[in-house]
N, C-alpha and C. Protein backbone atom coordinates (compact mmCIF):
# COMPACT_ATOMS: atom_id res chain seq x y z
N MET A 1 142.72 270.36 212.08
CA MET A 1 143.08 270.65 210.67
C MET A 1 143.71 269.25 210.43
N SER A 2 143.12 268.22 209.40
CA SER A 2 143.78 267.16 209.27
C SER A 2 144.97 267.36 208.11
N PHE A 3 146.04 266.49 208.03
CA PHE A 3 147.01 266.30 207.45
C PHE A 3 146.97 266.59 206.10
N ILE A 4 145.81 265.78 205.33
CA ILE A 4 145.49 266.13 203.83
C ILE A 4 145.18 267.50 203.67
N SER A 5 144.16 268.29 204.50
CA SER A 5 143.87 269.52 203.98
C SER A 5 145.03 270.48 204.53
N GLU A 6 145.80 270.30 205.53
CA GLU A 6 146.95 271.07 205.57
C GLU A 6 147.99 271.24 204.46
N PHE A 7 148.11 269.62 203.84
CA PHE A 7 149.07 269.56 202.46
C PHE A 7 148.42 270.40 201.34
N LYS A 8 147.10 270.04 201.13
CA LYS A 8 146.46 271.08 199.85
C LYS A 8 146.50 272.26 200.27
N GLU A 9 146.39 272.89 201.37
CA GLU A 9 146.69 274.23 201.63
C GLU A 9 148.02 274.54 201.54
N PHE A 10 149.16 273.85 201.67
CA PHE A 10 150.56 274.21 201.40
C PHE A 10 150.82 274.02 199.86
N ALA A 11 150.19 272.92 199.19
CA ALA A 11 150.62 272.78 197.94
C ALA A 11 149.96 273.84 196.91
N MET A 12 148.87 274.24 197.39
CA MET A 12 147.95 275.14 196.71
C MET A 12 148.60 276.88 196.82
N LYS A 13 149.20 277.16 197.57
CA LYS A 13 149.99 278.40 198.02
C LYS A 13 150.43 279.12 196.64
N GLY A 14 150.29 280.16 196.32
CA GLY A 14 150.69 280.64 194.93
C GLY A 14 152.41 280.68 194.76
N SER A 15 152.98 280.66 195.95
CA SER A 15 154.56 280.58 195.94
C SER A 15 155.04 279.47 195.44
N VAL A 16 154.31 278.25 196.04
CA VAL A 16 154.80 276.90 195.71
C VAL A 16 154.56 276.57 194.06
N VAL A 17 153.38 276.93 193.84
CA VAL A 17 152.87 276.57 192.43
C VAL A 17 153.94 277.74 191.62
N ASP A 18 154.27 278.84 191.94
CA ASP A 18 155.11 279.65 191.08
C ASP A 18 156.43 278.87 190.93
N MET A 19 157.14 278.38 192.06
CA MET A 19 158.20 277.83 192.36
C MET A 19 158.14 276.67 191.58
N ALA A 20 157.40 275.86 191.25
CA ALA A 20 157.28 274.71 190.60
C ALA A 20 157.24 275.16 189.04
N VAL A 21 156.28 275.88 188.53
CA VAL A 21 156.54 276.44 187.17
C VAL A 21 157.94 276.94 186.82
N GLY A 22 158.57 277.94 187.85
CA GLY A 22 159.93 278.25 187.59
C GLY A 22 160.86 276.99 187.25
N ILE A 23 160.81 276.08 188.29
CA ILE A 23 161.94 274.93 188.00
C ILE A 23 161.43 274.06 186.79
N ILE A 24 160.40 274.23 186.17
CA ILE A 24 160.04 273.21 185.13
C ILE A 24 160.43 274.14 184.01
N ILE A 25 160.24 275.33 183.93
CA ILE A 25 160.64 276.20 182.65
C ILE A 25 162.39 276.35 182.97
N GLY A 26 162.76 276.42 184.15
CA GLY A 26 164.30 276.29 184.22
C GLY A 26 164.98 274.98 183.84
N ALA A 27 164.36 274.01 183.82
CA ALA A 27 165.02 272.64 183.43
C ALA A 27 164.70 272.44 181.80
N ALA A 28 163.83 273.18 181.48
CA ALA A 28 163.77 273.21 179.77
C ALA A 28 164.50 274.08 179.07
N PHE A 29 164.65 275.30 179.93
CA PHE A 29 165.84 276.16 179.26
C PHE A 29 167.25 276.02 179.45
N GLY A 30 167.50 275.02 180.83
CA GLY A 30 168.73 274.57 180.64
C GLY A 30 168.91 273.60 179.54
N LYS A 31 168.14 272.79 179.06
CA LYS A 31 168.26 271.60 178.03
C LYS A 31 168.50 272.73 176.85
N ILE A 32 167.96 273.45 176.56
CA ILE A 32 168.07 274.35 175.35
C ILE A 32 169.37 274.78 175.37
N ILE A 33 169.81 275.41 176.29
CA ILE A 33 171.16 276.02 176.57
C ILE A 33 172.32 274.92 176.25
N SER A 34 172.08 273.69 176.89
CA SER A 34 172.85 272.64 176.80
C SER A 34 173.33 272.31 175.20
N VAL A 35 172.11 272.15 174.41
CA VAL A 35 172.41 271.81 173.32
C VAL A 35 172.82 273.02 172.61
N MET A 36 172.53 274.10 172.79
CA MET A 36 173.45 275.29 171.90
C MET A 36 174.78 275.29 172.38
N VAL A 37 175.13 274.99 173.68
CA VAL A 37 176.66 274.71 173.82
C VAL A 37 177.32 273.52 173.28
N ASP A 38 176.76 272.41 173.22
CA ASP A 38 177.14 271.19 172.76
C ASP A 38 177.28 271.36 171.23
N LYS A 39 176.28 271.96 170.57
CA LYS A 39 176.25 271.95 169.11
C LYS A 39 176.52 272.94 168.58
N VAL A 40 176.54 274.24 169.19
CA VAL A 40 176.76 275.46 168.43
C VAL A 40 177.98 275.98 168.74
N ILE A 41 178.04 276.28 170.15
CA ILE A 41 179.20 277.18 170.53
C ILE A 41 180.43 276.28 170.61
N MET A 42 180.56 274.93 171.32
CA MET A 42 181.74 274.51 171.42
C MET A 42 182.44 273.77 170.12
N PRO A 43 181.67 273.42 169.08
CA PRO A 43 182.33 273.14 168.00
C PRO A 43 183.40 274.08 167.36
N PRO A 44 183.05 275.48 167.35
CA PRO A 44 183.76 276.47 166.75
C PRO A 44 185.16 276.62 167.85
N ILE A 45 184.84 276.64 169.01
CA ILE A 45 185.92 276.81 169.98
C ILE A 45 186.83 275.52 169.78
N GLY A 46 186.34 274.40 169.81
CA GLY A 46 187.04 273.26 169.35
C GLY A 46 188.06 273.35 167.89
N LEU A 47 187.44 273.93 167.17
CA LEU A 47 187.98 274.04 165.95
C LEU A 47 189.23 275.04 165.93
N LEU A 48 188.87 276.11 166.73
CA LEU A 48 190.01 277.15 166.60
C LEU A 48 191.17 276.46 167.74
N ILE A 49 190.97 275.75 168.71
CA ILE A 49 192.03 275.23 169.38
C ILE A 49 192.72 273.97 168.76
N GLY A 50 192.51 273.63 167.60
CA GLY A 50 193.00 272.37 166.77
C GLY A 50 192.26 271.24 166.83
N GLY A 51 191.02 271.67 166.79
CA GLY A 51 190.04 270.17 166.58
C GLY A 51 189.73 269.52 167.74
N VAL A 52 190.04 269.86 168.75
CA VAL A 52 189.89 269.11 170.21
C VAL A 52 188.35 269.16 170.62
N ASN A 53 188.17 267.91 171.13
CA ASN A 53 186.56 267.68 171.58
C ASN A 53 187.23 267.93 173.21
N PHE A 54 186.47 268.58 173.78
CA PHE A 54 186.72 268.73 175.34
C PHE A 54 186.40 267.53 176.01
N ARG A 55 185.28 266.92 175.56
CA ARG A 55 184.98 265.75 176.30
C ARG A 55 185.77 264.71 176.21
N ASP A 56 186.71 264.72 175.40
CA ASP A 56 187.71 263.49 175.24
C ASP A 56 189.01 263.83 175.53
N LEU A 57 189.33 265.10 176.40
CA LEU A 57 190.52 265.34 177.03
C LEU A 57 190.45 264.14 178.64
N ALA A 58 191.89 263.91 178.48
CA ALA A 58 191.85 262.90 179.49
C ALA A 58 193.57 262.78 179.84
N VAL A 59 193.95 262.16 180.89
CA VAL A 59 195.29 262.02 181.12
C VAL A 59 195.31 260.39 181.68
N THR A 60 196.26 259.74 180.85
CA THR A 60 196.32 258.26 181.28
C THR A 60 197.16 258.05 182.28
N LEU A 61 196.77 257.57 183.46
CA LEU A 61 197.80 257.45 184.76
C LEU A 61 198.59 256.01 184.43
N LYS A 62 197.74 255.10 184.12
CA LYS A 62 198.37 253.50 183.76
C LYS A 62 197.67 252.98 182.34
N ALA A 63 198.64 252.92 181.51
CA ALA A 63 198.27 252.13 180.45
C ALA A 63 197.57 250.58 180.42
N ALA A 64 196.68 250.44 179.50
CA ALA A 64 195.87 249.16 179.74
C ALA A 64 196.91 247.97 179.42
N GLU A 65 196.68 246.85 180.45
CA GLU A 65 197.73 245.75 180.24
C GLU A 65 196.60 244.49 180.42
N GLY A 66 196.69 244.11 179.32
CA GLY A 66 195.95 242.64 178.98
C GLY A 66 194.63 242.76 179.44
N GLN A 67 193.98 242.43 180.39
CA GLN A 67 192.54 242.34 180.83
C GLN A 67 192.22 243.63 181.37
N GLN A 68 193.15 244.33 182.02
CA GLN A 68 193.13 245.38 183.07
C GLN A 68 192.80 246.72 182.09
N PRO A 69 191.61 247.62 182.18
CA PRO A 69 191.56 248.60 181.53
C PRO A 69 192.62 249.75 182.09
N ALA A 70 192.75 250.78 180.98
CA ALA A 70 193.85 251.89 181.22
C ALA A 70 193.25 252.51 182.56
N VAL A 71 193.82 253.23 183.44
CA VAL A 71 193.35 254.21 184.50
C VAL A 71 193.59 255.68 183.85
N VAL A 72 192.43 256.05 183.82
CA VAL A 72 192.23 257.62 183.01
C VAL A 72 191.47 258.46 183.74
N VAL A 73 192.32 259.96 183.75
CA VAL A 73 191.42 260.81 184.77
C VAL A 73 190.91 261.56 183.51
N GLY A 74 189.76 261.65 183.29
CA GLY A 74 188.86 262.37 182.11
C GLY A 74 188.45 263.71 182.73
N TYR A 75 189.28 264.55 182.65
CA TYR A 75 189.02 265.90 182.95
C TYR A 75 188.33 266.60 181.88
N GLY A 76 188.24 266.27 180.54
CA GLY A 76 187.55 267.25 179.76
C GLY A 76 186.10 267.07 179.91
N GLU A 77 185.33 266.07 180.45
CA GLU A 77 183.91 266.10 180.84
C GLU A 77 183.48 267.31 181.87
N SER A 78 184.65 267.37 182.77
CA SER A 78 184.51 268.50 183.89
C SER A 78 184.91 269.85 183.35
N LEU A 79 185.67 269.75 182.47
CA LEU A 79 185.76 271.09 181.73
C LEU A 79 184.71 271.85 180.99
N GLN A 80 184.18 270.85 180.11
CA GLN A 80 182.95 270.62 179.54
C GLN A 80 181.72 271.48 180.47
N THR A 81 181.52 270.66 181.45
CA THR A 81 180.49 271.25 182.48
C THR A 81 180.73 272.37 182.90
N VAL A 82 181.99 272.93 183.29
CA VAL A 82 182.38 274.23 183.75
C VAL A 82 181.90 275.17 182.82
N PHE A 83 182.13 274.78 181.15
CA PHE A 83 181.69 275.75 180.33
C PHE A 83 180.26 275.94 180.13
N ASP A 84 179.57 274.78 180.14
CA ASP A 84 177.92 274.71 180.28
C ASP A 84 177.50 275.71 180.98
N PHE A 85 178.09 275.34 182.43
CA PHE A 85 177.60 276.30 183.37
C PHE A 85 177.78 277.87 183.25
N ALA A 86 179.07 278.21 182.85
CA ALA A 86 179.12 279.49 182.33
C ALA A 86 178.58 280.09 181.54
N ILE A 87 178.28 279.44 180.52
CA ILE A 87 177.29 279.93 179.28
C ILE A 87 175.98 279.84 179.66
N ILE A 88 175.18 278.99 180.57
CA ILE A 88 174.03 278.89 180.83
C ILE A 88 173.74 280.22 181.86
N ALA A 89 174.80 280.30 182.66
CA ALA A 89 174.61 281.61 183.59
C ALA A 89 174.63 282.85 183.29
N LEU A 90 175.58 283.07 182.09
CA LEU A 90 175.48 284.13 181.24
C LEU A 90 173.99 284.21 180.77
N ALA A 91 173.40 283.21 179.90
CA ALA A 91 172.37 283.27 179.26
C ALA A 91 171.16 283.73 180.28
N ILE A 92 171.13 283.34 181.48
CA ILE A 92 170.14 283.43 182.55
C ILE A 92 170.12 285.01 183.01
N PHE A 93 171.73 285.71 183.14
CA PHE A 93 171.70 287.00 183.48
C PHE A 93 171.29 287.66 182.60
N MET A 94 171.52 287.54 181.04
CA MET A 94 171.11 288.08 180.27
C MET A 94 169.44 288.44 179.93
N MET A 95 168.92 287.22 180.12
CA MET A 95 167.29 286.95 180.19
C MET A 95 166.71 287.99 181.27
N ILE A 96 167.22 287.58 182.31
CA ILE A 96 166.82 288.70 183.81
C ILE A 96 167.16 290.02 183.47
N LYS A 97 168.24 290.27 182.94
CA LYS A 97 168.70 291.85 182.71
C LYS A 97 167.34 292.27 181.85
N VAL A 98 167.31 291.65 180.63
CA VAL A 98 165.91 291.81 179.68
C VAL A 98 164.57 292.27 180.16
N LEU A 99 164.33 290.90 181.28
CA LEU A 99 162.87 290.95 181.87
C LEU A 99 162.97 292.25 182.81
N ASN A 100 163.91 292.39 183.66
CA ASN A 100 163.94 293.62 184.21
C ASN A 100 163.81 294.94 183.94
N ARG A 101 164.56 294.99 182.75
CA ARG A 101 164.09 296.18 181.76
C ARG A 101 162.67 296.52 181.27
N LEU A 102 162.21 295.55 181.24
CA LEU A 102 160.71 295.31 180.49
C LEU A 102 159.68 295.58 181.83
N LYS A 103 160.07 295.01 182.76
CA LYS A 103 159.43 295.33 184.08
C LYS A 103 159.39 296.82 184.56
N ARG A 104 160.32 297.31 184.59
CA ARG A 104 160.34 298.63 185.25
C ARG A 104 159.16 299.64 184.80
N GLU A 105 158.69 300.08 186.00
CA GLU A 105 157.60 300.84 186.18
C GLU A 105 157.68 302.26 185.64
N ALA A 106 157.04 303.01 185.03
CA ALA A 106 157.01 304.22 184.83
C ALA A 106 156.82 304.96 186.19
N PRO A 107 157.68 306.32 186.12
CA PRO A 107 157.81 306.83 187.38
C PRO A 107 156.24 307.28 187.88
N PRO A 108 155.63 307.29 189.00
CA PRO A 108 154.21 307.91 189.32
C PRO A 108 154.20 309.28 189.09
N PRO A 109 153.00 309.27 188.50
CA PRO A 109 152.56 310.93 188.29
C PRO A 109 152.70 311.84 189.46
N PRO A 110 153.12 313.15 189.11
CA PRO A 110 152.96 313.91 190.31
C PRO A 110 151.97 313.95 191.18
N ALA A 111 152.03 314.22 192.39
CA ALA A 111 150.76 314.22 192.92
C ALA A 111 150.11 315.42 192.82
N ALA A 112 148.87 315.31 193.01
CA ALA A 112 148.01 316.43 192.46
C ALA A 112 147.99 316.95 193.98
N ALA A 113 147.85 318.58 193.95
CA ALA A 113 147.68 319.31 195.37
C ALA A 113 146.38 318.78 195.83
N PRO A 114 146.46 318.72 197.27
CA PRO A 114 145.30 318.31 197.86
C PRO A 114 144.32 319.09 197.87
N GLU A 115 143.01 318.74 197.94
CA GLU A 115 141.65 320.00 197.81
C GLU A 115 142.11 320.66 199.29
N PRO A 116 141.70 322.07 199.16
CA PRO A 116 142.04 322.90 200.56
C PRO A 116 140.74 322.50 201.43
N THR A 117 141.13 322.66 202.53
CA THR A 117 140.10 322.32 203.68
C THR A 117 138.89 323.40 203.58
N LYS A 118 137.94 323.45 204.28
CA LYS A 118 136.82 324.36 204.48
C LYS A 118 137.37 325.72 205.13
N GLU A 119 138.21 325.47 205.88
CA GLU A 119 138.84 326.73 206.54
C GLU A 119 139.64 327.43 205.66
N GLU A 120 140.61 326.70 204.84
CA GLU A 120 141.41 327.29 203.90
C GLU A 120 140.32 328.20 202.69
N GLN A 121 139.53 327.47 202.50
CA GLN A 121 138.58 328.05 201.56
C GLN A 121 138.21 329.33 201.94
N LEU A 122 137.52 329.25 203.23
CA LEU A 122 136.90 330.34 203.98
C LEU A 122 137.87 331.72 204.03
N LEU A 123 139.25 331.29 204.43
CA LEU A 123 140.44 332.18 204.51
C LEU A 123 140.48 333.02 203.03
N THR A 124 140.40 332.08 201.85
CA THR A 124 141.01 332.59 200.72
C THR A 124 139.73 333.49 200.34
N GLU A 125 138.48 333.22 200.59
CA GLU A 125 137.42 334.15 200.37
C GLU A 125 137.49 335.44 200.97
N ILE A 126 137.73 335.52 202.35
CA ILE A 126 137.98 336.66 203.04
C ILE A 126 139.11 337.41 202.43
N ARG A 127 140.21 336.84 202.08
CA ARG A 127 141.13 337.33 201.73
C ARG A 127 140.94 338.32 200.30
N ASP A 128 140.19 337.63 199.29
CA ASP A 128 139.56 338.17 198.09
C ASP A 128 138.64 339.20 198.46
N ILE A 129 137.81 339.17 199.48
CA ILE A 129 136.93 340.21 199.60
C ILE A 129 137.65 341.48 200.14
N LEU A 130 138.80 341.35 201.05
CA LEU A 130 139.49 342.51 201.48
C LEU A 130 140.24 343.01 200.43
N LYS A 131 140.85 342.14 199.47
CA LYS A 131 141.57 342.63 198.19
C LYS A 131 140.60 343.91 197.23
N SER A 132 139.42 343.24 197.26
CA SER A 132 138.25 343.84 196.31
C SER A 132 137.98 345.23 196.90
N ALA A 133 137.95 345.35 198.19
CA ALA A 133 137.50 346.45 199.05
C ALA A 133 138.25 347.60 198.94
N ARG A 134 139.51 347.54 198.68
CA ARG A 134 140.49 348.42 198.60
C ARG A 134 140.47 349.40 197.50
């Protein structure tokens, strides 16, 4: 088998295609959630804690001197990323929970009694004949 045909067989497997679709949809979903976090959820939270924008939070280690810029540890961006992750994880969890609820299969119908074998049918007939002869 040639390299090209092996690669084609690998790339066209259902699981690879499904994974690619999942990654693409996941990236788009991540963008949607990020915008919601940045534009809808975080502004009210910032307002509640005194108008602080998390991305601007930083600690200055050394003030700027002349041409040298200040040495700053900008922890706000990291804090915002942690909030984004938590909200995205919660949103994905909720989405999967809903999908699992929708996918639940109905319980299988009770199994029908199997057809009696010829021997059982014959024995049933003999029993019925003996009952009626009494």
